[in-house]
PDB file of N, CA and C in Angstrom:
ATOM      1  N   MET A   1      42.476  21.292 -13.784  1.00  0.00           N
ATOM      2  CA  MET A   1      42.522  21.377 -12.250  1.00  0.00           C
ATOM      3  C   MET A   1      40.833  22.000 -12.185  1.00  0.00           C
ATOM      4  N   HIS A   2      40.862  23.173 -13.122  1.00  0.00           N
ATOM      5  CA  HIS A   2      39.324  24.112 -12.959  1.00  0.00           C
ATOM      6  C   HIS A   2      38.084  22.961 -13.378  1.00  0.00           C
ATOM      7  N   LYS A   3      38.448  22.035 -14.242  1.00  0.00           N
ATOM      8  CA  LYS A   3      37.462  20.938 -14.609  1.00  0.00           C
ATOM      9  C   LYS A   3      37.158  20.035 -13.455  1.00  0.00           C
ATOM     10  N   ILE A   4      37.931  19.618 -12.657  1.00  0.00           N
ATOM     11  CA  ILE A   4      37.558  18.547 -11.781  1.00  0.00           C
ATOM     12  C   ILE A   4      37.102  19.586 -10.659  1.00  0.00           C
ATOM     13  N   GLN A   5      37.110  20.705 -10.293  1.00  0.00           N
ATOM     14  CA  GLN A   5      36.579  20.966  -9.197  1.00  0.00           C
ATOM     15  C   GLN A   5      35.144  21.447 -10.131  1.00  0.00           C
ATOM     16  N   LEU A   6      34.832  21.836 -11.040  1.00  0.00           N
ATOM     17  CA  LEU A   6      33.553  22.012 -11.526  1.00  0.00           C
ATOM     18  C   LEU A   6      32.781  21.005 -11.653  1.00  0.00           C
ATOM     19  N   ILE A   7      33.452  19.637 -11.474  1.00  0.00           N
ATOM     20  CA  ILE A   7      32.629  18.494 -11.737  1.00  0.00           C
ATOM     21  C   ILE A   7      32.420  18.323 -10.220  1.00  0.00           C
ATOM     22  N   LEU A   8      33.248  18.128  -9.367  1.00  0.00           N
ATOM     23  CA  LEU A   8      32.669  18.165  -7.759  1.00  0.00           C
ATOM     24  C   LEU A   8      31.752  19.040  -7.538  1.00  0.00           C
ATOM     25  N   ALA A   9      31.802  20.415  -8.041  1.00  0.00           N
ATOM     26  CA  ALA A   9      30.697  21.211  -7.374  1.00  0.00           C
ATOM     27  C   ALA A   9      29.146  21.037  -7.896  1.00  0.00           C
ATOM     28  N   ALA A  10      29.116  20.512  -9.077  1.00  0.00           N
ATOM     29  CA  ALA A  10      28.247  20.286  -9.717  1.00  0.00           C
ATOM     30  C   ALA A  10      27.372  18.982  -9.352  1.00  0.00           C
ATOM     31  N   ASN A  11      28.501  17.573  -8.828  1.00  0.00           N
ATOM     32  CA  ASN A  11      28.008  16.720  -7.858  1.00  0.00           C
ATOM     33  C   ASN A  11      27.789  16.923  -6.474  1.00  0.00           C
ATOM     34  N   LEU A  12      28.071  18.080  -5.780  1.00  0.00           N
ATOM     35  CA  LEU A  12      27.643  18.640  -4.301  1.00  0.00           C
ATOM     36  C   LEU A  12      26.589  18.863  -4.779  1.00  0.00           C
ATOM     37  N   LEU A  13      25.858  19.766  -5.691  1.00  0.00           N
ATOM     38  CA  LEU A  13      24.544  20.641  -5.691  1.00  0.00           C
ATOM     39  C   LEU A  13      23.849  19.617  -5.951  1.00  0.00           C
ATOM     40  N   LEU A  14      23.990  18.490  -7.288  1.00  0.00           N
ATOM     41  CA  LEU A  14      22.758  17.621  -6.996  1.00  0.00           C
ATOM     42  C   LEU A  14      23.010  16.770  -6.044  1.00  0.00           C
ATOM     43  N   GLY A  15      23.377  16.481  -5.082  1.00  0.00           N
ATOM     44  CA  GLY A  15      23.259  15.716  -4.318  1.00  0.00           C
ATOM     45  C   GLY A  15      22.627  16.346  -3.189  1.00  0.00           C
ATOM     46  N   THR A  16      22.999  17.885  -3.127  1.00  0.00           N
ATOM     47  CA  THR A  16      22.223  18.679  -1.958  1.00  0.00           C
ATOM     48  C   THR A  16      20.613  18.818  -2.008  1.00  0.00           C
ATOM     49  N   MET A  17      20.314  19.259  -3.844  1.00  0.00           N
ATOM     50  CA  MET A  17      18.997  19.276  -4.142  1.00  0.00           C
ATOM     51  C   MET A  17      18.136  18.033  -4.068  1.00  0.00           C
ATOM     52  N   ALA A  18      18.529  16.503  -4.374  1.00  0.00           N
ATOM     53  CA  ALA A  18      18.107  15.512  -4.438  1.00  0.00           C
ATOM     54  C   ALA A  18      17.665  14.933  -2.888  1.00  0.00           C
ATOM     55  N   PHE A  19      18.260  15.861  -2.030  1.00  0.00           N
ATOM     56  CA  PHE A  19      18.676  15.472  -0.129  1.00  0.00           C
ATOM     57  C   PHE A  19      17.395  16.687   0.150  1.00  0.00           C
ATOM     58  N   ALA A  20      16.744  17.403  -0.698  1.00  0.00           N
ATOM     59  CA  ALA A  20      16.321  18.863  -0.067  1.00  0.00           C
ATOM     60  C   ALA A  20      14.963  18.633  -1.080  1.00  0.00           C
ATOM     61  N   GLN A  21      14.974  17.352  -1.825  1.00  0.00           N
ATOM     62  CA  GLN A  21      13.480  17.356  -2.569  1.00  0.00           C
ATOM     63  C   GLN A  21      12.877  16.206  -1.724  1.00  0.00           C
ATOM     64  N   ASN A  22      13.885  15.374  -1.675  1.00  0.00           N
ATOM     65  CA  ASN A  22      13.199  13.903  -0.256  1.00  0.00           C
ATOM     66  C   ASN A  22      12.698  14.808   0.605  1.00  0.00           C
ATOM     67  N   SER A  23      13.787  15.189   1.550  1.00  0.00           N
ATOM     68  CA  SER A  23      13.131  16.085   2.865  1.00  0.00           C
ATOM     69  C   SER A  23      12.079  17.208   2.814  1.00  0.00           C
ATOM     70  N   SER A  24      11.710  17.642   1.473  1.00  0.00           N
ATOM     71  CA  SER A  24      10.197  18.355   1.391  1.00  0.00           C
ATOM     72  C   SER A  24       9.516  17.347   1.306  1.00  0.00           C
ATOM     73  N   LEU A  25       9.482  16.125   0.553  1.00  0.00           N
ATOM     74  CA  LEU A  25       8.299  15.049   0.108  1.00  0.00           C
ATOM     75  C   LEU A  25       8.392  14.599   1.631  1.00  0.00           C
ATOM     76  N   GLY A  26       8.804  14.310   2.205  1.00  0.00           N
ATOM     77  CA  GLY A  26       8.903  13.643   3.745  1.00  0.00           C
ATOM     78  C   GLY A  26       7.907  14.604   4.771  1.00  0.00           C
ATOM     79  N   ASN A  27       8.501  15.950   4.561  1.00  0.00           N
ATOM     80  CA  ASN A  27       7.216  17.063   5.233  1.00  0.00           C
ATOM     81  C   ASN A  27       5.940  17.127   4.610  1.00  0.00           C
ATOM     82  N   ASP A  28       5.987  17.030   3.374  1.00  0.00           N
ATOM     83  CA  ASP A  28       4.611  16.797   2.775  1.00  0.00           C
ATOM     84  C   ASP A  28       3.728  15.353   3.163  1.00  0.00           C
ATOM     85  N   ILE A  29       4.532  14.382   3.364  1.00  0.00           N
ATOM     86  CA  ILE A  29       3.966  13.285   4.038  1.00  0.00           C
ATOM     87  C   ILE A  29       3.422  13.485   5.347  1.00  0.00           C
ATOM     88  N   ARG A  30       4.245  14.132   6.327  1.00  0.00           N
ATOM     89  CA  ARG A  30       3.878  14.405   7.491  1.00  0.00           C
ATOM     90  C   ARG A  30       2.792  15.435   7.515  1.00  0.00           C
ATOM     91  N   ASN A  31       2.842  16.517   7.063  1.00  0.00           N
ATOM     92  CA  ASN A  31       2.058  17.626   6.808  1.00  0.00           C
ATOM     93  C   ASN A  31       0.102  17.079   6.521  1.00  0.00           C
ATOM     94  N   ASP A  32       0.435  16.022   5.392  1.00  0.00           N
ATOM     95  CA  ASP A  32      -0.726  15.343   4.994  1.00  0.00           C
ATOM     96  C   ASP A  32      -1.087  14.031   5.926  1.00  0.00           C
ATOM     97  N   GLN A  33      -0.556  13.975   6.902  1.00  0.00           N
ATOM     98  CA  GLN A  33      -0.751  12.956   7.920  1.00  0.00           C
ATOM     99  C   GLN A  33      -1.782  13.621   8.945  1.00  0.00           C
ATOM    100  N   GLN A  34      -1.019  15.030   9.722  1.00  0.00           N
ATOM    101  CA  GLN A  34      -1.508  16.185  10.311  1.00  0.00           C
ATOM    102  C   GLN A  34      -3.100  16.593  10.156  1.00  0.00           C
ATOM    103  N   ASP A  35      -2.957  16.850   8.585  1.00  0.00           N
ATOM    104  CA  ASP A  35      -4.160  17.441   8.218  1.00  0.00           C
ATOM    105  C   ASP A  35      -5.435  16.375   8.231  1.00  0.00           C
ATOM    106  N   LEU A  36      -4.829  15.353   7.699  1.00  0.00           N
ATOM    107  CA  LEU A  36      -5.751  14.204   7.588  1.00  0.00           C
ATOM    108  C   LEU A  36      -6.670  13.870   9.293  1.00  0.00           C
ATOM    109  N   ARG A  37      -5.601  13.709  10.474  1.00  0.00           N
ATOM    110  CA  ARG A  37      -5.858  13.975  11.405  1.00  0.00           C
ATOM    111  C   ARG A  37      -6.896  14.543  11.938  1.00  0.00           C
ATOM    112  N   HIS A  38      -6.353  16.078  11.419  1.00  0.00           N
ATOM    113  CA  HIS A  38      -7.344  17.238  11.755  1.00  0.00           C
ATOM    114  C   HIS A  38      -8.985  17.045  11.407  1.00  0.00           C
ATOM    115  N   ASP A  39      -8.529  16.457  10.437  1.00  0.00           N
ATOM    116  CA  ASP A  39     -10.022  16.606   9.115  1.00  0.00           C
ATOM    117  C   ASP A  39     -10.957  15.084   9.823  1.00  0.00           C
ATOM    118  N   GLN A  40     -10.570  14.251  10.700  1.00  0.00           N
ATOM    119  CA  GLN A  40     -10.886  13.427  11.183  1.00  0.00           C
ATOM    120  C   GLN A  40     -11.374  14.263  12.472  1.00  0.00           C
ATOM    121  N   GLN A  41     -10.729  14.767  13.236  1.00  0.00           N
ATOM    122  CA  GLN A  41     -11.186  15.031  14.475  1.00  0.00           C
ATOM    123  C   GLN A  41     -12.584  16.373  14.247  1.00  0.00           C
ATOM    124  N   GLU A  42     -12.072  17.419  13.283  1.00  0.00           N
ATOM    125  CA  GLU A  42     -13.710  17.919  12.775  1.00  0.00           C
ATOM    126  C   GLU A  42     -14.962  17.012  12.215  1.00  0.00           C
ATOM    127  N   LEU A  43     -14.662  16.065  11.661  1.00  0.00           N
ATOM    128  CA  LEU A  43     -15.319  14.962  11.320  1.00  0.00           C
ATOM    129  C   LEU A  43     -16.625  14.337  12.103  1.00  0.00           C
ATOM    130  N   ARG A  44     -15.457  14.334  13.696  1.00  0.00           N
ATOM    131  CA  ARG A  44     -16.685  13.861  14.603  1.00  0.00           C
ATOM    132  C   ARG A  44     -17.168  14.990  15.038  1.00  0.00           C
ATOM    133  N   HIS A  45     -16.540  15.965  15.292  1.00  0.00           N
ATOM    134  CA  HIS A  45     -17.596  17.092  15.456  1.00  0.00           C
ATOM    135  C   HIS A  45     -18.611  17.419  14.865  1.00  0.00           C
ATOM    136  N   LEU A  46     -18.841  17.548  13.772  1.00  0.00           N
ATOM    137  CA  LEU A  46     -19.385  17.616  12.663  1.00  0.00           C
ATOM    138  C   LEU A  46     -20.694  16.499  12.812  1.00  0.00           C
ATOM    139  N   GLU A  47     -20.414  15.342  12.799  1.00  0.00           N
ATOM    140  CA  GLU A  47     -21.503  14.464  13.231  1.00  0.00           C
ATOM    141  C   GLU A  47     -22.062  14.106  14.347  1.00  0.00           C
ATOM    142  N   TYR A  48     -21.511  14.954  15.111  1.00  0.00           N
ATOM    143  CA  TYR A  48     -21.862  15.081  16.297  1.00  0.00           C
ATOM    144  C   TYR A  48     -23.160  16.323  16.749  1.00  0.00           C
ATOM    145  N   ARG A  49     -22.507  17.337  16.067  1.00  0.00           N
ATOM    146  CA  ARG A  49     -23.888  18.329  15.798  1.00  0.00           C
ATOM    147  C   ARG A  49     -25.153  18.039  14.433  1.00  0.00           C
ATOM    148  N   VAL A  50     -24.560  17.147  13.539  1.00  0.00           N
ATOM    149  CA  VAL A  50     -25.866  16.878  12.807  1.00  0.00           C
ATOM    150  C   VAL A  50     -26.543  15.454  13.999  1.00  0.00           C
ATOM    151  N   ASP A  51     -26.380  14.801  14.419  1.00  0.00           N
ATOM    152  CA  ASP A  51     -26.937  13.967  15.506  1.00  0.00           C
ATOM    153  C   ASP A  51     -27.482  15.048  16.650  1.00  0.00           C
ATOM    154  N   GLN A  52     -27.347  16.258  17.149  1.00  0.00           N
ATOM    155  CA  GLN A  52     -27.816  17.262  17.776  1.00  0.00           C
ATOM    156  C   GLN A  52     -29.136  17.767  16.972  1.00  0.00           C
ATOM    157  N   ASP A  53     -29.086  17.989  15.787  1.00  0.00           N
ATOM    158  CA  ASP A  53     -29.800  18.716  15.021  1.00  0.00           C
ATOM    159  C   ASP A  53     -31.139  17.708  14.600  1.00  0.00           C
ATOM    160  N   LYS A  54     -30.680  16.520  14.476  1.00  0.00           N
ATOM    161  CA  LYS A  54     -31.566  15.369  14.117  1.00  0.00           C
ATOM    162  C   LYS A  54     -32.479  15.383  15.572  1.00  0.00           C
ATOM    163  N   GLN A  55     -31.846  15.591  16.592  1.00  0.00           N
ATOM    164  CA  GLN A  55     -32.617  15.433  18.084  1.00  0.00           C
ATOM    165  C   GLN A  55     -33.529  16.034  18.211  1.00  0.00           C
ATOM    166  N   ARG A  56     -32.958  17.770  17.788  1.00  0.00           N
ATOM    167  CA  ARG A  56     -34.047  18.646  18.223  1.00  0.00           C
ATOM    168  C   ARG A  56     -35.027  18.762  17.197  1.00  0.00           C
ATOM    169  N   LEU A  57     -34.693  18.628  16.035  1.00  0.00           N
ATOM    170  CA  LEU A  57     -36.122  18.440  15.056  1.00  0.00           C
ATOM    171  C   LEU A  57     -36.702  17.327  15.543  1.00  0.00           C
ATOM    172  N   ASN A  58     -36.305  16.007  15.590  1.00  0.00           N
ATOM    173  CA  ASN A  58     -37.293  15.152  16.584  1.00  0.00           C
ATOM    174  C   ASN A  58     -37.966  15.913  17.925  1.00  0.00           C
ATOM    175  N   MET A  59     -37.574  16.440  18.130  1.00  0.00           N
ATOM    176  CA  MET A  59     -38.195  16.610  19.474  1.00  0.00           C
ATOM    177  C   MET A  59     -39.033  18.046  18.977  1.00  0.00           C
ATOM    178  N   ASP A  60     -38.673  18.685  18.510  1.00  0.00           N
ATOM    179  CA  ASP A  60     -39.819  20.078  18.177  1.00  0.00           C
ATOM    180  C   ASP A  60     -40.814  19.239  17.158  1.00  0.00           C
ATOM    181  N   ARG A  61     -40.836  18.376  16.625  1.00  0.00           N
ATOM    182  CA  ARG A  61     -41.744  17.710  15.649  1.00  0.00           C
ATOM    183  C   ARG A  61     -42.949  17.034  16.887  1.00  0.00           C
ATOM    184  N   ARG A  62     -42.032  16.028  17.709  1.00  0.00           N
ATOM    185  CA  ARG A  62     -42.867  15.669  19.174  1.00  0.00           C
ATOM    186  C   ARG A  62     -43.785  16.716  19.909  1.00  0.00           C
ATOM    187  N   ARG A  63     -43.170  17.813  20.043  1.00  0.00           N
ATOM    188  CA  ARG A  63     -43.388  18.922  20.756  1.00  0.00           C
ATOM    189  C   ARG A  63     -44.835  19.719  20.053  1.00  0.00           C
ATOM    190  N   HIS A  64     -44.946  19.628  18.762  1.00  0.00           N
ATOM    191  CA  HIS A  64     -45.911  20.554  17.785  1.00  0.00           C
ATOM    192  C   HIS A  64     -45.369  21.823  17.509  1.00  0.00           C
ATOM    193  N   ALA A  65     -43.636  21.766  17.544  1.00  0.00           N
ATOM    194  CA  ALA A  65     -43.464  23.054  17.099  1.00  0.00           C
ATOM    195  C   ALA A  65     -44.113  23.836  16.112  1.00  0.00           C
ATOM    196  N   GLY A  66     -43.548  25.461  16.195  1.00  0.00           N
ATOM    197  CA  GLY A  66     -44.402  25.569  15.164  1.00  0.00           C
ATOM    198  C   GLY A  66     -43.760  25.746  13.994  1.00  0.00           C
ATOM    199  N   ARG A  67     -44.021  25.888  12.747  1.00  0.00           N
ATOM    200  CA  ARG A  67     -43.679  25.587  11.352  1.00  0.00           C
ATOM    201  C   ARG A  67     -41.913  26.080  11.131  1.00  0.00           C
ATOM    202  N   GLY A  68     -42.176  27.427  11.484  1.00  0.00           N
ATOM    203  CA  GLY A  68     -40.843  27.761  11.762  1.00  0.00           C
ATOM    204  C   GLY A  68     -39.667  27.574  12.369  1.00  0.00           C
ATOM    205  N   ALA A  69     -39.373  27.115  13.124  1.00  0.00           N
ATOM    206  CA  ALA A  69     -38.707  26.475  14.092  1.00  0.00           C
ATOM    207  C   ALA A  69     -38.261  25.268  13.384  1.00  0.00           C
ATOM    208  N   ILE A  70     -39.189  24.245  12.789  1.00  0.00           N
ATOM    209  CA  ILE A  70     -38.885  22.908  12.354  1.00  0.00           C
ATOM    210  C   ILE A  70     -38.534  23.326  10.985  1.00  0.00           C
ATOM    211  N   GLU A  71     -38.574  24.344  10.373  1.00  0.00           N
ATOM    212  CA  GLU A  71     -38.188  24.876   8.983  1.00  0.00           C
ATOM    213  C   GLU A  71     -36.673  24.792   9.290  1.00  0.00           C
ATOM    214  N   ALA A  72     -36.655  25.968  10.532  1.00  0.00           N
ATOM    215  CA  ALA A  72     -35.181  26.404  11.053  1.00  0.00           C
ATOM    216  C   ALA A  72     -34.195  25.215  10.985  1.00  0.00           C
ATOM    217  N   ASP A  73     -34.504  23.779  11.871  1.00  0.00           N
ATOM    218  CA  ASP A  73     -33.933  23.077  12.319  1.00  0.00           C
ATOM    219  C   ASP A  73     -33.396  22.105  11.262  1.00  0.00           C
ATOM    220  N   ARG A  74     -34.371  22.033   9.736  1.00  0.00           N
ATOM    221  CA  ARG A  74     -34.314  21.287   8.793  1.00  0.00           C
ATOM    222  C   ARG A  74     -33.552  22.089   8.221  1.00  0.00           C
ATOM    223  N   ALA A  75     -33.542  23.435   7.882  1.00  0.00           N
ATOM    224  CA  ALA A  75     -32.359  23.896   7.153  1.00  0.00           C
ATOM    225  C   ALA A  75     -30.896  23.874   7.790  1.00  0.00           C
ATOM    226  N   GLN A  76     -30.591  23.843   9.421  1.00  0.00           N
ATOM    227  CA  GLN A  76     -29.591  23.489   9.611  1.00  0.00           C
ATOM    228  C   GLN A  76     -29.226  22.197   9.597  1.00  0.00           C
ATOM    229  N   LEU A  77     -30.068  21.206  10.092  1.00  0.00           N
ATOM    230  CA  LEU A  77     -29.781  20.008   9.815  1.00  0.00           C
ATOM    231  C   LEU A  77     -28.988  19.541   8.278  1.00  0.00           C
ATOM    232  N   ARG A  78     -29.546  20.194   7.258  1.00  0.00           N
ATOM    233  CA  ARG A  78     -29.220  20.281   5.651  1.00  0.00           C
ATOM    234  C   ARG A  78     -27.812  21.228   5.434  1.00  0.00           C
ATOM    235  N   ARG A  79     -27.373  21.840   5.894  1.00  0.00           N
ATOM    236  CA  ARG A  79     -26.236  22.850   6.032  1.00  0.00           C
ATOM    237  C   ARG A  79     -25.127  21.925   6.759  1.00  0.00           C
ATOM    238  N   ASP A  80     -25.451  21.227   8.196  1.00  0.00           N
ATOM    239  CA  ASP A  80     -24.479  20.339   8.468  1.00  0.00           C
ATOM    240  C   ASP A  80     -23.974  19.354   8.124  1.00  0.00           C
ATOM    241  N   GLN A  81     -24.962  18.634   7.364  1.00  0.00           N
ATOM    242  CA  GLN A  81     -24.491  17.458   6.261  1.00  0.00           C
ATOM    243  C   GLN A  81     -24.049  17.608   5.520  1.00  0.00           C
ATOM    244  N   GLU A  82     -24.232  18.454   4.379  1.00  0.00           N
ATOM    245  CA  GLU A  82     -23.661  19.120   3.591  1.00  0.00           C
ATOM    246  C   GLU A  82     -21.866  19.798   4.191  1.00  0.00           C
ATOM    247  N   GLN A  83     -21.930  20.247   4.996  1.00  0.00           N
ATOM    248  CA  GLN A  83     -20.579  20.096   5.647  1.00  0.00           C
ATOM    249  C   GLN A  83     -19.714  18.529   5.525  1.00  0.00           C
ATOM    250  N   VAL A  84     -20.729  17.973   6.334  1.00  0.00           N
ATOM    251  CA  VAL A  84     -19.692  16.456   6.438  1.00  0.00           C
ATOM    252  C   VAL A  84     -19.512  16.006   5.471  1.00  0.00           C
ATOM    253  N   LYS A  85     -20.227  16.029   3.987  1.00  0.00           N
ATOM    254  CA  LYS A  85     -19.944  15.258   2.567  1.00  0.00           C
ATOM    255  C   LYS A  85     -19.134  16.297   2.282  1.00  0.00           C
ATOM    256  N   ARG A  86     -19.027  17.270   2.222  1.00  0.00           N
ATOM    257  CA  ARG A  86     -17.756  18.249   1.766  1.00  0.00           C
ATOM    258  C   ARG A  86     -16.261  18.061   2.465  1.00  0.00           C
ATOM    259  N   LEU A  87     -16.516  17.707   3.714  1.00  0.00           N
ATOM    260  CA  LEU A  87     -15.310  17.175   4.510  1.00  0.00           C
ATOM    261  C   LEU A  87     -14.611  15.951   4.081  1.00  0.00           C
ATOM    262  N   LYS A  88     -15.478  15.146   3.869  1.00  0.00           N
ATOM    263  CA  LYS A  88     -15.389  13.452   3.771  1.00  0.00           C
ATOM    264  C   LYS A  88     -14.651  13.650   2.205  1.00  0.00           C
ATOM    265  N   ALA A  89     -15.030  14.414   1.402  1.00  0.00           N
ATOM    266  CA  ALA A  89     -14.597  14.551  -0.111  1.00  0.00           C
ATOM    267  C   ALA A  89     -13.440  14.788   0.406  1.00  0.00           C
ATOM    268  N   ASP A  90     -12.677  16.108   0.858  1.00  0.00           N
ATOM    269  CA  ASP A  90     -11.415  16.310   1.243  1.00  0.00           C
ATOM    270  C   ASP A  90     -10.474  15.481   1.769  1.00  0.00           C
ATOM    271  N   MET A  91     -11.397  14.817   2.672  1.00  0.00           N
ATOM    272  CA  MET A  91     -10.354  13.555   3.426  1.00  0.00           C
ATOM    273  C   MET A  91      -9.744  12.515   2.373  1.00  0.00           C
ATOM    274  N   ARG A  92     -11.399  12.334   1.584  1.00  0.00           N
ATOM    275  CA  ARG A  92     -10.411  11.412   0.878  1.00  0.00           C
ATOM    276  C   ARG A  92      -9.354  12.037  -0.490  1.00  0.00           C
ATOM    277  N   ARG A  93      -9.392  12.738  -0.860  1.00  0.00           N
ATOM    278  CA  ARG A  93      -8.109  13.682  -1.502  1.00  0.00           C
ATOM    279  C   ARG A  93      -7.248  13.834  -0.926  1.00  0.00           C
ATOM    280  N   ASP A  94      -7.397  13.672   0.114  1.00  0.00           N
ATOM    281  CA  ASP A  94      -5.917  14.199   1.375  1.00  0.00           C
ATOM    282  C   ASP A  94      -5.289  12.733   1.262  1.00  0.00           C
ATOM    283  N   ARG A  95      -6.094  11.326   1.627  1.00  0.00           N
ATOM    284  CA  ARG A  95      -5.585  10.222   1.785  1.00  0.00           C
ATOM    285  C   ARG A  95      -4.935   9.540   0.291  1.00  0.00           C
ATOM    286  N   GLN A  96      -5.736  10.405  -0.609  1.00  0.00           N
ATOM    287  CA  GLN A  96      -5.420   9.974  -2.005  1.00  0.00           C
ATOM    288  C   GLN A  96      -4.040  10.893  -2.539  1.00  0.00           C
ATOM    289  N   ASP A  97      -3.362  11.764  -2.005  1.00  0.00           N
ATOM    290  CA  ASP A  97      -2.745  12.884  -1.978  1.00  0.00           C
ATOM    291  C   ASP A  97      -1.695  12.228  -1.183  1.00  0.00           C
ATOM    292  N   LEU A  98      -1.648  11.686   0.300  1.00  0.00           N
ATOM    293  CA  LEU A  98      -1.069  11.082   1.233  1.00  0.00           C
ATOM    294  C   LEU A  98      -0.010   9.619   0.015  1.00  0.00           C
ATOM    295  N   LYS A  99      -1.034   8.826  -0.350  1.00  0.00           N
ATOM    296  CA  LYS A  99      -0.875   7.652  -0.754  1.00  0.00           C
ATOM    297  C   LYS A  99       0.069   7.662  -2.138  1.00  0.00           C
ATOM    298  N   ARG A 100      -0.005   8.876  -2.857  1.00  0.00           N
ATOM    299  CA  ARG A 100       0.614   9.072  -4.449  1.00  0.00           C
ATOM    300  C   ARG A 100       1.824   9.587  -3.303  1.00  0.00           C
ATOM    301  N   ASP A 101       2.064  10.535  -2.607  1.00  0.00           N
ATOM    302  CA  ASP A 101       3.711  11.103  -2.062  1.00  0.00           C
ATOM    303  C   ASP A 101       4.556   9.992  -1.416  1.00  0.00           C
ATOM    304  N   ARG A 102       3.663   8.865  -0.649  1.00  0.00           N
ATOM    305  CA  ARG A 102       4.318   7.428  -0.111  1.00  0.00           C
ATOM    306  C   ARG A 102       4.942   7.318  -1.367  1.00  0.00           C
ATOM    307  N   ARG A 103       4.288   6.698  -2.412  1.00  0.00           N
ATOM    308  CA  ARG A 103       4.534   5.797  -3.602  1.00  0.00           C
ATOM    309  C   ARG A 103       5.691   6.657  -3.959  1.00  0.00           C
ATOM    310  N   GLU A 104       5.344   8.441  -4.500  1.00  0.00           N
ATOM    311  CA  GLU A 104       6.694   8.635  -4.875  1.00  0.00           C
ATOM    312  C   GLU A 104       8.399   8.614  -3.729  1.00  0.00           C
ATOM    313  N   ALA A 105       7.675   8.267  -2.662  1.00  0.00           N
ATOM    314  CA  ALA A 105       9.083   8.603  -1.978  1.00  0.00           C
ATOM    315  C   ALA A 105       9.682   7.083  -1.974  1.00  0.00           C
ATOM    316  N   ARG A 106       9.015   5.897  -2.056  1.00  0.00           N
ATOM    317  CA  ARG A 106       9.947   4.934  -2.051  1.00  0.00           C
ATOM    318  C   ARG A 106      10.534   4.724  -3.360  1.00  0.00           C
ATOM    319  N   HIS A 107       9.610   5.200  -4.381  1.00  0.00           N
ATOM    320  CA  HIS A 107      10.093   5.137  -5.511  1.00  0.00           C
ATOM    321  C   HIS A 107      11.599   5.727  -5.896  1.00  0.00           C
ATOM    322  N   ARG A 108      11.298   7.078  -5.350  1.00  0.00           N
ATOM    323  CA  ARG A 108      13.072   7.480  -4.950  1.00  0.00           C
ATOM    324  C   ARG A 108      14.104   6.981  -4.311  1.00  0.00           C
ATOM    325  N   TYR A 109      13.570   6.706  -3.031  1.00  0.00           N
ATOM    326  CA  TYR A 109      14.630   5.630  -2.390  1.00  0.00           C
ATOM    327  C   TYR A 109      14.896   4.471  -3.659  1.00  0.00           C
ATOM    328  N   ARG A 110      14.338   3.938  -3.379  1.00  0.00           N
ATOM    329  CA  ARG A 110      14.880   2.938  -4.686  1.00  0.00           C
ATOM    330  C   ARG A 110      15.882   3.383  -6.012  1.00  0.00           C
ATOM    331  N   ARG A 111      15.260   4.759  -6.558  1.00  0.00           N
ATOM    332  CA  ARG A 111      16.158   4.578  -7.417  1.00  0.00           C
ATOM    333  C   ARG A 111      17.602   5.405  -7.120  1.00  0.00           C
ATOM    334  N   GLY A 112      17.343   5.886  -5.280  1.00  0.00           N
ATOM    335  CA  GLY A 112      18.876   6.244  -4.816  1.00  0.00           C
ATOM    336  C   GLY A 112      19.707   7.356  -5.505  1.00  0.00           C
TER     337      GLY A 112
END
């Protein structure tokens, strides 16, 4: 009788652990999707800032602004472009992680 209870308890525990793993994987997928959407919004904002920086630099050049103002505009443009580059790399990693998590979820579902 004691062995049967032990076996039932082990099966219940393993089933609960498998369910917990699947649900945490589902949460990971949802969090990755939300993170990706947030990064896309931030990317649009940064690209808008880069466009503004380019316009400001062109305007300063046309108005023959001082060298300091033009250099400041160039520096700001480079910083914003570097932020865009880093964000795109982060988004690429997030997409790869999301793809891997979905693949794991399908694999776990098939194994049942």
